[in-house]
Amino acid sequence: MNAHMKNTKADLAVTDTAYRVTANELRAFVERIERLDAEKKDIADQAKEVFAEAKGRGYDTKCLRKVIALRKRQPDDIAEEEAVLAMYREALNV
C-alpha cells in the first residue's frame, strides 16, 4: 500500500481478517507437521523394538537392514551393482 494513503476501518478489517486466516492456516500446517513428526518417531521406536527382538532371536540386524534396503530397489539396479562389485573384487583379489 502507499505510505501516504490513510487506511479506512474497512481496509484495516480486511487486512486483519486476511492475517487471521493466514495465521490460522499456517498454524494448521505446523500442527499437522508436528503430528506427523510424532507419528514418525513412534514408528521409528517400533522399528527399533522389532530389530531388538530379531537380534534377541539371533538374527544379524546389519544384514536385515541390507535385505530391507535391497527389497526397496529394482532388481535390475541390484544386478548391475552386484556385477560391478564382482568386477572390482576380482580386480583387487578380494
PDB file of N, CA and C in Angstrom:
ATOM      1  N   MET A   1       0.832  -1.181   0.000  1.00  0.00           N
ATOM      2  CA  MET A   1       0.000   0.000   0.000  1.00  0.00           C
ATOM      3  C   MET A   1       0.877   1.244   0.000  1.00  0.00           C
ATOM      4  N   ASN A   2       0.292   2.309  -0.448  1.00  0.00           N
ATOM      5  CA  ASN A   2       1.010   3.566  -0.484  1.00  0.00           C
ATOM      6  C   ASN A   2       1.128   4.110   0.940  1.00  0.00           C
ATOM      7  N   ALA A   3       2.319   4.521   1.335  1.00  0.00           N
ATOM      8  CA  ALA A   3       2.550   5.013   2.690  1.00  0.00           C
ATOM      9  C   ALA A   3       1.826   6.326   2.946  1.00  0.00           C
ATOM     10  N   HIS A   4       1.470   7.055   1.891  1.00  0.00           N
ATOM     11  CA  HIS A   4       0.817   8.335   2.043  1.00  0.00           C
ATOM     12  C   HIS A   4      -0.697   8.204   2.152  1.00  0.00           C
ATOM     13  N   MET A   5      -1.229   7.022   1.861  1.00  0.00           N
ATOM     14  CA  MET A   5      -2.673   6.826   1.924  1.00  0.00           C
ATOM     15  C   MET A   5      -3.078   6.417   3.330  1.00  0.00           C
ATOM     16  N   LYS A   6      -4.223   6.907   3.745  1.00  0.00           N
ATOM     17  CA  LYS A   6      -4.746   6.559   5.060  1.00  0.00           C
ATOM     18  C   LYS A   6      -5.655   5.347   4.907  1.00  0.00           C
ATOM     19  N   ASN A   7      -5.474   4.331   5.755  1.00  0.00           N
ATOM     20  CA  ASN A   7      -6.317   3.146   5.716  1.00  0.00           C
ATOM     21  C   ASN A   7      -7.638   3.422   6.405  1.00  0.00           C
ATOM     22  N   THR A   8      -8.703   3.000   5.763  1.00  0.00           N
ATOM     23  CA  THR A   8     -10.024   3.145   6.373  1.00  0.00           C
ATOM     24  C   THR A   8     -10.249   1.993   7.339  1.00  0.00           C
ATOM     25  N   LYS A   9     -11.312   2.086   8.123  1.00  0.00           N
ATOM     26  CA  LYS A   9     -11.654   0.992   9.033  1.00  0.00           C
ATOM     27  C   LYS A   9     -11.918  -0.281   8.249  1.00  0.00           C
ATOM     28  N   ALA A  10     -12.548  -0.147   7.099  1.00  0.00           N
ATOM     29  CA  ALA A  10     -12.843  -1.310   6.259  1.00  0.00           C
ATOM     30  C   ALA A  10     -11.539  -1.948   5.762  1.00  0.00           C
ATOM     31  N   ASP A  11     -10.573  -1.109   5.355  1.00  0.00           N
ATOM     32  CA  ASP A  11      -9.272  -1.630   4.908  1.00  0.00           C
ATOM     33  C   ASP A  11      -8.584  -2.403   6.024  1.00  0.00           C
ATOM     34  N   LEU A  12      -8.591  -1.831   7.203  1.00  0.00           N
ATOM     35  CA  LEU A  12      -7.963  -2.480   8.352  1.00  0.00           C
ATOM     36  C   LEU A  12      -8.665  -3.785   8.709  1.00  0.00           C
ATOM     37  N   ALA A  13      -9.976  -3.815   8.594  1.00  0.00           N
ATOM     38  CA  ALA A  13     -10.735  -5.030   8.901  1.00  0.00           C
ATOM     39  C   ALA A  13     -10.387  -6.140   7.916  1.00  0.00           C
ATOM     40  N   VAL A  14     -10.283  -5.795   6.637  1.00  0.00           N
ATOM     41  CA  VAL A  14      -9.919  -6.787   5.615  1.00  0.00           C
ATOM     42  C   VAL A  14      -8.515  -7.301   5.881  1.00  0.00           C
ATOM     43  N   THR A  15      -7.598  -6.411   6.167  1.00  0.00           N
ATOM     44  CA  THR A  15      -6.211  -6.802   6.455  1.00  0.00           C
ATOM     45  C   THR A  15      -6.156  -7.704   7.685  1.00  0.00           C
ATOM     46  N   ASP A  16      -6.889  -7.325   8.726  1.00  0.00           N
ATOM     47  CA  ASP A  16      -6.911  -8.118   9.958  1.00  0.00           C
ATOM     48  C   ASP A  16      -7.489  -9.509   9.694  1.00  0.00           C
ATOM     49  N   THR A  17      -8.571  -9.578   8.937  1.00  0.00           N
ATOM     50  CA  THR A  17      -9.193 -10.865   8.617  1.00  0.00           C
ATOM     51  C   THR A  17      -8.238 -11.724   7.803  1.00  0.00           C
ATOM     52  N   ALA A  18      -7.593 -11.128   6.804  1.00  0.00           N
ATOM     53  CA  ALA A  18      -6.640 -11.878   5.972  1.00  0.00           C
ATOM     54  C   ALA A  18      -5.492 -12.402   6.822  1.00  0.00           C
ATOM     55  N   TYR A  19      -5.006 -11.589   7.748  1.00  0.00           N
ATOM     56  CA  TYR A  19      -3.917 -12.004   8.629  1.00  0.00           C
ATOM     57  C   TYR A  19      -4.345 -13.181   9.496  1.00  0.00           C
ATOM     58  N   ARG A  20      -5.557 -13.101  10.060  1.00  0.00           N
ATOM     59  CA  ARG A  20      -6.036 -14.188  10.915  1.00  0.00           C
ATOM     60  C   ARG A  20      -6.199 -15.477  10.118  1.00  0.00           C
ATOM     61  N   VAL A  21      -6.724 -15.367   8.899  1.00  0.00           N
ATOM     62  CA  VAL A  21      -6.899 -16.555   8.056  1.00  0.00           C
ATOM     63  C   VAL A  21      -5.536 -17.154   7.741  1.00  0.00           C
ATOM     64  N   THR A  22      -4.576 -16.319   7.363  1.00  0.00           N
ATOM     65  CA  THR A  22      -3.234 -16.799   7.046  1.00  0.00           C
ATOM     66  C   THR A  22      -2.580 -17.420   8.276  1.00  0.00           C
ATOM     67  N   ALA A  23      -2.702 -16.778   9.415  1.00  0.00           N
ATOM     68  CA  ALA A  23      -2.115 -17.296  10.652  1.00  0.00           C
ATOM     69  C   ALA A  23      -2.759 -18.626  11.031  1.00  0.00           C
ATOM     70  N   ASN A  24      -4.073 -18.729  10.884  1.00  0.00           N
ATOM     71  CA  ASN A  24      -4.764 -19.984  11.206  1.00  0.00           C
ATOM     72  C   ASN A  24      -4.325 -21.102  10.260  1.00  0.00           C
ATOM     73  N   GLU A  25      -4.197 -20.790   8.980  1.00  0.00           N
ATOM     74  CA  GLU A  25      -3.759 -21.797   8.009  1.00  0.00           C
ATOM     75  C   GLU A  25      -2.329 -22.239   8.314  1.00  0.00           C
ATOM     76  N   LEU A  26      -1.463 -21.277   8.595  1.00  0.00           N
ATOM     77  CA  LEU A  26      -0.077 -21.586   8.929  1.00  0.00           C
ATOM     78  C   LEU A  26      -0.009 -22.457  10.180  1.00  0.00           C
ATOM     79  N   ARG A  27      -0.789 -22.097  11.195  1.00  0.00           N
ATOM     80  CA  ARG A  27      -0.829 -22.877  12.435  1.00  0.00           C
ATOM     81  C   ARG A  27      -1.284 -24.309  12.153  1.00  0.00           C
ATOM     82  N   ALA A  28      -2.274 -24.462  11.269  1.00  0.00           N
ATOM     83  CA  ALA A  28      -2.777 -25.794  10.923  1.00  0.00           C
ATOM     84  C   ALA A  28      -1.689 -26.622  10.250  1.00  0.00           C
ATOM     85  N   PHE A  29      -0.925 -26.007   9.342  1.00  0.00           N
ATOM     86  CA  PHE A  29       0.169 -26.730   8.698  1.00  0.00           C
ATOM     87  C   PHE A  29       1.213 -27.161   9.722  1.00  0.00           C
ATOM     88  N   VAL A  30       1.589 -26.249  10.590  1.00  0.00           N
ATOM     89  CA  VAL A  30       2.604 -26.551  11.608  1.00  0.00           C
ATOM     90  C   VAL A  30       2.120 -27.684  12.508  1.00  0.00           C
ATOM     91  N   GLU A  31       0.877 -27.637  12.935  1.00  0.00           N
ATOM     92  CA  GLU A  31       0.352 -28.677  13.817  1.00  0.00           C
ATOM     93  C   GLU A  31       0.285 -30.028  13.113  1.00  0.00           C
ATOM     94  N   ARG A  32      -0.078 -30.029  11.823  1.00  0.00           N
ATOM     95  CA  ARG A  32      -0.086 -31.294  11.074  1.00  0.00           C
ATOM     96  C   ARG A  32       1.313 -31.885  10.973  1.00  0.00           C
ATOM     97  N   ILE A  33       2.294 -31.031  10.681  1.00  0.00           N
ATOM     98  CA  ILE A  33       3.677 -31.496  10.574  1.00  0.00           C
ATOM     99  C   ILE A  33       4.163 -32.028  11.914  1.00  0.00           C
ATOM    100  N   GLU A  34       3.812 -31.342  12.997  1.00  0.00           N
ATOM    101  CA  GLU A  34       4.203 -31.801  14.334  1.00  0.00           C
ATOM    102  C   GLU A  34       3.594 -33.166  14.644  1.00  0.00           C
ATOM    103  N   ARG A  35       2.320 -33.374  14.270  1.00  0.00           N
ATOM    104  CA  ARG A  35       1.684 -34.678  14.494  1.00  0.00           C
ATOM    105  C   ARG A  35       2.379 -35.766  13.680  1.00  0.00           C
ATOM    106  N   LEU A  36       2.714 -35.449  12.427  1.00  0.00           N
ATOM    107  CA  LEU A  36       3.403 -36.421  11.581  1.00  0.00           C
ATOM    108  C   LEU A  36       4.786 -36.754  12.133  1.00  0.00           C
ATOM    109  N   ASP A  37       5.492 -35.744  12.633  1.00  0.00           N
ATOM    110  CA  ASP A  37       6.802 -35.992  13.248  1.00  0.00           C
ATOM    111  C   ASP A  37       6.676 -36.904  14.459  1.00  0.00           C
ATOM    112  N   ALA A  38       5.645 -36.701  15.260  1.00  0.00           N
ATOM    113  CA  ALA A  38       5.426 -37.548  16.431  1.00  0.00           C
ATOM    114  C   ALA A  38       5.116 -38.981  15.991  1.00  0.00           C
ATOM    115  N   GLU A  39       4.300 -39.127  14.956  1.00  0.00           N
ATOM    116  CA  GLU A  39       3.986 -40.461  14.438  1.00  0.00           C
ATOM    117  C   GLU A  39       5.233 -41.129  13.879  1.00  0.00           C
ATOM    118  N   LYS A  40       6.063 -40.340  13.176  1.00  0.00           N
ATOM    119  CA  LYS A  40       7.304 -40.869  12.606  1.00  0.00           C
ATOM    120  C   LYS A  40       8.219 -41.381  13.720  1.00  0.00           C
ATOM    121  N   LYS A  41       8.301 -40.632  14.827  1.00  0.00           N
ATOM    122  CA  LYS A  41       9.129 -41.050  15.962  1.00  0.00           C
ATOM    123  C   LYS A  41       8.580 -42.344  16.561  1.00  0.00           C
ATOM    124  N   ASP A  42       7.254 -42.434  16.700  1.00  0.00           N
ATOM    125  CA  ASP A  42       6.644 -43.655  17.233  1.00  0.00           C
ATOM    126  C   ASP A  42       6.952 -44.857  16.348  1.00  0.00           C
ATOM    127  N   ILE A  43       6.869 -44.663  15.042  1.00  0.00           N
ATOM    128  CA  ILE A  43       7.152 -45.754  14.104  1.00  0.00           C
ATOM    129  C   ILE A  43       8.621 -46.149  14.182  1.00  0.00           C
ATOM    130  N   ALA A  44       9.512 -45.164  14.282  1.00  0.00           N
ATOM    131  CA  ALA A  44      10.945 -45.461  14.402  1.00  0.00           C
ATOM    132  C   ALA A  44      11.218 -46.249  15.687  1.00  0.00           C
ATOM    133  N   ASP A  45      10.550 -45.876  16.773  1.00  0.00           N
ATOM    134  CA  ASP A  45      10.716 -46.608  18.033  1.00  0.00           C
ATOM    135  C   ASP A  45      10.225 -48.047  17.896  1.00  0.00           C
ATOM    136  N   GLN A  46       9.104 -48.230  17.195  1.00  0.00           N
ATOM    137  CA  GLN A  46       8.582 -49.584  16.975  1.00  0.00           C
ATOM    138  C   GLN A  46       9.542 -50.403  16.127  1.00  0.00           C
ATOM    139  N   ALA A  47      10.136 -49.788  15.103  1.00  0.00           N
ATOM    140  CA  ALA A  47      11.106 -50.491  14.260  1.00  0.00           C
ATOM    141  C   ALA A  47      12.320 -50.909  15.090  1.00  0.00           C
ATOM    142  N   LYS A  48      12.785 -50.038  15.983  1.00  0.00           N
ATOM    143  CA  LYS A  48      13.908 -50.385  16.857  1.00  0.00           C
ATOM    144  C   LYS A  48      13.571 -51.598  17.715  1.00  0.00           C
ATOM    145  N   GLU A  49      12.342 -51.625  18.206  1.00  0.00           N
ATOM    146  CA  GLU A  49      11.910 -52.762  19.024  1.00  0.00           C
ATOM    147  C   GLU A  49      11.916 -54.056  18.212  1.00  0.00           C
ATOM    148  N   VAL A  50      11.484 -53.990  16.964  1.00  0.00           N
ATOM    149  CA  VAL A  50      11.468 -55.182  16.112  1.00  0.00           C
ATOM    150  C   VAL A  50      12.891 -55.642  15.829  1.00  0.00           C
ATOM    151  N   PHE A  51      13.789 -54.693  15.545  1.00  0.00           N
ATOM    152  CA  PHE A  51      15.182 -55.065  15.324  1.00  0.00           C
ATOM    153  C   PHE A  51      15.783 -55.682  16.592  1.00  0.00           C
ATOM    154  N   ALA A  52      15.461 -55.134  17.745  1.00  0.00           N
ATOM    155  CA  ALA A  52      15.964 -55.683  19.008  1.00  0.00           C
ATOM    156  C   ALA A  52      15.432 -57.096  19.223  1.00  0.00           C
ATOM    157  N   GLU A  53      14.167 -57.305  18.894  1.00  0.00           N
ATOM    158  CA  GLU A  53      13.572 -58.639  19.026  1.00  0.00           C
ATOM    159  C   GLU A  53      14.251 -59.622  18.073  1.00  0.00           C
ATOM    160  N   ALA A  54      14.496 -59.190  16.827  1.00  0.00           N
ATOM    161  CA  ALA A  54      15.166 -60.050  15.855  1.00  0.00           C
ATOM    162  C   ALA A  54      16.587 -60.378  16.327  1.00  0.00           C
ATOM    163  N   LYS A  55      17.279 -59.388  16.871  1.00  0.00           N
ATOM    164  CA  LYS A  55      18.632 -59.609  17.379  1.00  0.00           C
ATOM    165  C   LYS A  55      18.600 -60.594  18.539  1.00  0.00           C
ATOM    166  N   GLY A  56      17.604 -60.455  19.394  1.00  0.00           N
ATOM    167  CA  GLY A  56      17.454 -61.378  20.516  1.00  0.00           C
ATOM    168  C   GLY A  56      17.203 -62.811  20.065  1.00  0.00           C
ATOM    169  N   ARG A  57      16.630 -62.954  18.884  1.00  0.00           N
ATOM    170  CA  ARG A  57      16.371 -64.291  18.338  1.00  0.00           C
ATOM    171  C   ARG A  57      17.548 -64.812  17.531  1.00  0.00           C
ATOM    172  N   GLY A  58      18.642 -64.020  17.471  1.00  0.00           N
ATOM    173  CA  GLY A  58      19.863 -64.485  16.820  1.00  0.00           C
ATOM    174  C   GLY A  58      20.076 -63.989  15.402  1.00  0.00           C
ATOM    175  N   TYR A  59      19.210 -63.133  14.909  1.00  0.00           N
ATOM    176  CA  TYR A  59      19.384 -62.623  13.548  1.00  0.00           C
ATOM    177  C   TYR A  59      20.378 -61.473  13.535  1.00  0.00           C
ATOM    178  N   ASP A  60      21.112 -61.354  12.442  1.00  0.00           N
ATOM    179  CA  ASP A  60      22.086 -60.282  12.256  1.00  0.00           C
ATOM    180  C   ASP A  60      21.333 -59.057  11.750  1.00  0.00           C
ATOM    181  N   THR A  61      21.213 -58.028  12.592  1.00  0.00           N
ATOM    182  CA  THR A  61      20.410 -56.865  12.231  1.00  0.00           C
ATOM    183  C   THR A  61      21.045 -56.049  11.112  1.00  0.00           C
ATOM    184  N   LYS A  62      22.366 -56.077  11.018  1.00  0.00           N
ATOM    185  CA  LYS A  62      23.033 -55.373   9.922  1.00  0.00           C
ATOM    186  C   LYS A  62      22.611 -55.984   8.588  1.00  0.00           C
ATOM    187  N   CYS A  63      22.579 -57.301   8.531  1.00  0.00           N
ATOM    188  CA  CYS A  63      22.139 -57.979   7.307  1.00  0.00           C
ATOM    189  C   CYS A  63      20.648 -57.754   7.055  1.00  0.00           C
ATOM    190  N   LEU A  64      19.855 -57.742   8.120  1.00  0.00           N
ATOM    191  CA  LEU A  64      18.428 -57.462   7.962  1.00  0.00           C
ATOM    192  C   LEU A  64      18.209 -56.090   7.329  1.00  0.00           C
ATOM    193  N   ARG A  65      18.965 -55.111   7.777  1.00  0.00           N
ATOM    194  CA  ARG A  65      18.837 -53.762   7.218  1.00  0.00           C
ATOM    195  C   ARG A  65      19.196 -53.753   5.733  1.00  0.00           C
ATOM    196  N   LYS A  66      20.235 -54.508   5.369  1.00  0.00           N
ATOM    197  CA  LYS A  66      20.634 -54.583   3.958  1.00  0.00           C
ATOM    198  C   LYS A  66      19.554 -55.256   3.124  1.00  0.00           C
ATOM    199  N   VAL A  67      18.968 -56.323   3.652  1.00  0.00           N
ATOM    200  CA  VAL A  67      17.896 -57.020   2.931  1.00  0.00           C
ATOM    201  C   VAL A  67      16.710 -56.088   2.728  1.00  0.00           C
ATOM    202  N   ILE A  68      16.356 -55.343   3.759  1.00  0.00           N
ATOM    203  CA  ILE A  68      15.236 -54.403   3.663  1.00  0.00           C
ATOM    204  C   ILE A  68      15.531 -53.335   2.610  1.00  0.00           C
ATOM    205  N   ALA A  69      16.756 -52.820   2.599  1.00  0.00           N
ATOM    206  CA  ALA A  69      17.144 -51.811   1.607  1.00  0.00           C
ATOM    207  C   ALA A  69      17.093 -52.400   0.196  1.00  0.00           C
ATOM    208  N   LEU A  70      17.534 -53.648   0.051  1.00  0.00           N
ATOM    209  CA  LEU A  70      17.505 -54.296  -1.269  1.00  0.00           C
ATOM    210  C   LEU A  70      16.072 -54.486  -1.766  1.00  0.00           C
ATOM    211  N   ARG A  71      15.171 -54.827  -0.863  1.00  0.00           N
ATOM    212  CA  ARG A  71      13.776 -55.047  -1.248  1.00  0.00           C
ATOM    213  C   ARG A  71      13.103 -53.779  -1.751  1.00  0.00           C
ATOM    214  N   LYS A  72      13.662 -52.618  -1.406  1.00  0.00           N
ATOM    215  CA  LYS A  72      13.112 -51.341  -1.864  1.00  0.00           C
ATOM    216  C   LYS A  72      13.588 -50.987  -3.277  1.00  0.00           C
ATOM    217  N   ARG A  73      14.610 -51.665  -3.759  1.00  0.00           N
ATOM    218  CA  ARG A  73      15.224 -51.324  -5.039  1.00  0.00           C
ATOM    219  C   ARG A  73      14.714 -52.207  -6.164  1.00  0.00           C
ATOM    220  N   GLN A  74      14.983 -51.761  -7.386  1.00  0.00           N
ATOM    221  CA  GLN A  74      14.616 -52.523  -8.579  1.00  0.00           C
ATOM    222  C   GLN A  74      15.631 -53.642  -8.795  1.00  0.00           C
ATOM    223  N   PRO A  75      15.162 -54.829  -9.209  1.00  0.00           N
ATOM    224  CA  PRO A  75      16.076 -55.955  -9.438  1.00  0.00           C
ATOM    225  C   PRO A  75      17.204 -55.637 -10.427  1.00  0.00           C
ATOM    226  N   ASP A  76      16.917 -54.865 -11.469  1.00  0.00           N
ATOM    227  CA  ASP A  76      17.957 -54.519 -12.446  1.00  0.00           C
ATOM    228  C   ASP A  76      19.064 -53.676 -11.810  1.00  0.00           C
ATOM    229  N   ASP A  77      18.690 -52.757 -10.932  1.00  0.00           N
ATOM    230  CA  ASP A  77      19.688 -51.932 -10.240  1.00  0.00           C
ATOM    231  C   ASP A  77      20.573 -52.792  -9.346  1.00  0.00           C
ATOM    232  N   ILE A  78      19.959 -53.733  -8.667  1.00  0.00           N
ATOM    233  CA  ILE A  78      20.709 -54.630  -7.775  1.00  0.00           C
ATOM    234  C   ILE A  78      21.693 -55.463  -8.592  1.00  0.00           C
ATOM    235  N   ALA A  79      21.206 -56.040  -9.700  1.00  0.00           N
ATOM    236  CA  ALA A  79      22.063 -56.882 -10.543  1.00  0.00           C
ATOM    237  C   ALA A  79      23.243 -56.081 -11.092  1.00  0.00           C
ATOM    238  N   GLU A  80      22.996 -54.853 -11.503  1.00  0.00           N
ATOM    239  CA  GLU A  80      24.076 -54.012 -12.030  1.00  0.00           C
ATOM    240  C   GLU A  80      25.111 -53.724 -10.946  1.00  0.00           C
ATOM    241  N   GLU A  81      24.653 -53.388  -9.757  1.00  0.00           N
ATOM    242  CA  GLU A  81      25.580 -53.108  -8.654  1.00  0.00           C
ATOM    243  C   GLU A  81      26.389 -54.346  -8.294  1.00  0.00           C
ATOM    244  N   GLU A  82      25.728 -55.505  -8.249  1.00  0.00           N
ATOM    245  CA  GLU A  82      26.438 -56.743  -7.923  1.00  0.00           C
ATOM    246  C   GLU A  82      27.469 -57.089  -8.983  1.00  0.00           C
ATOM    247  N   ALA A  83      27.165 -56.831 -10.264  1.00  0.00           N
ATOM    248  CA  ALA A  83      28.120 -57.102 -11.339  1.00  0.00           C
ATOM    249  C   ALA A  83      29.347 -56.204 -11.211  1.00  0.00           C
ATOM    250  N   VAL A  84      29.130 -54.935 -10.920  1.00  0.00           N
ATOM    251  CA  VAL A  84      30.252 -54.001 -10.749  1.00  0.00           C
ATOM    252  C   VAL A  84      31.069 -54.395  -9.531  1.00  0.00           C
ATOM    253  N   LEU A  85      30.398 -54.744  -8.442  1.00  0.00           N
ATOM    254  CA  LEU A  85      31.090 -55.166  -7.228  1.00  0.00           C
ATOM    255  C   LEU A  85      31.947 -56.408  -7.496  1.00  0.00           C
ATOM    256  N   ALA A  86      31.395 -57.382  -8.229  1.00  0.00           N
ATOM    257  CA  ALA A  86      32.150 -58.596  -8.558  1.00  0.00           C
ATOM    258  C   ALA A  86      33.383 -58.250  -9.404  1.00  0.00           C
ATOM    259  N   MET A  87      33.229 -57.329 -10.330  1.00  0.00           N
ATOM    260  CA  MET A  87      34.342 -56.921 -11.180  1.00  0.00           C
ATOM    261  C   MET A  87      35.433 -56.258 -10.326  1.00  0.00           C
ATOM    262  N   TYR A  88      35.033 -55.376  -9.406  1.00  0.00           N
ATOM    263  CA  TYR A  88      36.002 -54.702  -8.528  1.00  0.00           C
ATOM    264  C   TYR A  88      36.707 -55.711  -7.638  1.00  0.00           C
ATOM    265  N   ARG A  89      35.937 -56.625  -7.084  1.00  0.00           N
ATOM    266  CA  ARG A  89      36.516 -57.644  -6.183  1.00  0.00           C
ATOM    267  C   ARG A  89      37.531 -58.497  -6.935  1.00  0.00           C
ATOM    268  N   GLU A  90      37.188 -58.862  -8.156  1.00  0.00           N
ATOM    269  CA  GLU A  90      38.107 -59.679  -8.969  1.00  0.00           C
ATOM    270  C   GLU A  90      39.374 -58.890  -9.274  1.00  0.00           C
ATOM    271  N   ALA A  91      39.226 -57.618  -9.606  1.00  0.00           N
ATOM    272  CA  ALA A  91      40.392 -56.789  -9.915  1.00  0.00           C
ATOM    273  C   ALA A  91      41.315 -56.628  -8.715  1.00  0.00           C
ATOM    274  N   LEU A  92      40.725 -56.624  -7.518  1.00  0.00           N
ATOM    275  CA  LEU A  92      41.507 -56.434  -6.299  1.00  0.00           C
ATOM    276  C   LEU A  92      41.815 -57.725  -5.558  1.00  0.00           C
ATOM    277  N   ASN A  93      41.392 -58.857  -6.120  1.00  0.00           N
ATOM    278  CA  ASN A  93      41.572 -60.167  -5.476  1.00  0.00           C
ATOM    279  C   ASN A  93      41.006 -60.184  -4.055  1.00  0.00           C
ATOM    280  N   VAL A  94      39.810 -59.671  -3.923  1.00  0.00           N
ATOM    281  CA  VAL A  94      39.150 -59.629  -2.603  1.00  0.00           C
ATOM    282  C   VAL A  94      38.109 -60.696  -2.544  1.00  0.00           C
TER     283      VAL A  94
END
